[in-house]
Amino acid sequence: MLQSRLVDTSNQLKRLQVDRQVTEEQLSHLDNEAEDARIRSLVSETPIADKEYREARKHAESMRRHLLELEIEISKIENLQNKLLDQISERN
């Protein structure tokens, strides 16, 4: 039973780590887009450019929150995995 839970936890952790890596790459891209939009907004000083910057920044912040949620979930799963390992080692 414990070993089965450990395998499930390990698989879940692997999936979350892959998701985190993809999210980090997307965040980097969105941050770059937001910075480009910020510069265009400063140079052009138009309402449209300012709106594009605000939208790009909003998307980047949303992705940043998603990344934080993933990191919290990964931490929880790692703690669970450690507890399961401790329980298995105590039985042996």
Protein backbone atom coordinates (compact mmCIF):
# COMPACT_ATOMS: atom_id res chain seq x y z
CA MET A 1 0.00 0.00 0.00
CA LEU A 2 2.70 2.50 0.96
CA GLN A 3 4.79 1.57 -2.05
CA SER A 4 1.82 2.05 -4.35
CA ARG A 5 1.17 5.50 -2.85
CA LEU A 6 4.85 6.31 -3.25
CA VAL A 7 4.76 5.35 -6.94
CA ASP A 8 1.63 7.47 -7.46
CA THR A 9 3.21 10.38 -5.64
CA SER A 10 6.38 10.07 -7.68
CA ASN A 11 4.40 10.08 -10.93
CA GLN A 12 2.40 13.09 -9.82
CA LEU A 13 5.60 14.91 -8.87
CA LYS A 14 7.13 14.21 -12.28
CA ARG A 15 4.04 15.60 -14.05
CA LEU A 16 4.08 18.73 -11.90
CA GLN A 17 7.77 19.28 -12.57
CA VAL A 18 7.19 19.04 -16.31
CA ASP A 19 4.28 21.49 -15.97
CA ARG A 20 6.52 23.84 -13.98
CA GLN A 21 9.21 23.74 -16.67
CA VAL A 22 6.68 24.54 -19.40
CA THR A 23 5.19 27.31 -17.27
CA GLU A 24 8.63 28.83 -16.64
CA GLU A 25 9.28 28.90 -20.39
CA GLN A 26 5.89 30.47 -21.07
CA LEU A 27 6.44 33.03 -18.32
CA SER A 28 9.78 34.00 -19.80
CA HIS A 29 8.13 34.53 -23.17
CA LEU A 30 5.26 36.54 -21.65
CA ASP A 31 7.67 38.66 -19.61
CA ASN A 32 9.60 39.46 -22.79
CA GLU A 33 6.38 40.37 -24.59
CA ALA A 34 5.32 42.60 -21.70
CA GLU A 35 8.68 44.36 -21.70
CA ASP A 36 8.49 44.91 -25.46
CA ALA A 37 4.97 46.28 -25.07
CA ARG A 38 6.13 48.56 -22.26
CA ILE A 39 8.85 50.04 -24.45
CA ARG A 40 6.43 50.48 -27.36
CA SER A 41 4.02 52.19 -24.98
CA LEU A 42 6.69 54.59 -23.76
CA VAL A 43 7.88 55.41 -27.26
CA SER A 44 4.50 55.79 -28.94
CA GLU A 45 2.59 57.28 -25.99
CA THR A 46 -0.74 56.13 -27.47
CA PRO A 47 -3.71 54.70 -25.57
CA ILE A 48 -3.64 51.59 -27.73
CA ALA A 49 0.00 50.88 -26.94
CA ASP A 50 -0.66 51.46 -23.25
CA LYS A 51 -3.60 49.04 -23.36
CA GLU A 52 -1.46 46.41 -25.10
CA TYR A 53 1.17 46.81 -22.39
CA ARG A 54 -1.39 46.43 -19.58
CA GLU A 55 -2.82 43.30 -21.22
CA ALA A 56 0.62 41.77 -21.76
CA ARG A 57 1.58 42.52 -18.16
CA LYS A 58 -1.69 40.99 -16.95
CA HIS A 59 -1.01 37.77 -18.87
CA ALA A 60 2.51 37.57 -17.45
CA GLU A 61 1.21 38.10 -13.90
CA SER A 62 -1.39 35.40 -14.39
CA MET A 63 1.30 32.97 -15.52
CA ARG A 64 3.47 34.00 -12.57
CA ARG A 65 0.60 33.14 -10.19
CA HIS A 66 0.16 29.79 -11.92
CA LEU A 67 3.87 29.08 -11.47
CA LEU A 68 3.62 29.89 -7.77
CA GLU A 69 0.66 27.53 -7.42
CA LEU A 70 2.65 24.77 -9.12
CA GLU A 71 5.62 25.36 -6.83
CA ILE A 72 3.38 25.15 -3.76
CA GLU A 73 1.83 21.92 -5.03
CA ILE A 74 5.27 20.46 -5.81
CA SER A 75 6.39 21.29 -2.28
CA LYS A 76 3.34 19.54 -0.82
CA ILE A 77 3.93 16.45 -2.94
CA GLU A 78 7.62 16.37 -2.03
CA ASN A 79 6.69 16.52 1.66
CA LEU A 80 4.19 13.71 1.20
CA GLN A 81 6.78 11.69 -0.66
CA ASN A 82 9.28 12.19 2.18
CA LYS A 83 6.69 11.09 4.75
CA LEU A 84 5.93 7.97 2.75
CA LEU A 85 9.63 7.17 2.49
CA ASP A 86 9.99 7.64 6.24
CA GLN A 87 7.07 5.28 6.87
CA ILE A 88 8.54 2.67 4.55
CA SER A 89 11.95 2.90 6.21
CA GLU A 90 10.37 2.61 9.66
CA ARG A 91 8.70 -0.64 8.63
CA ASN A 92 11.99 -2.16 7.48
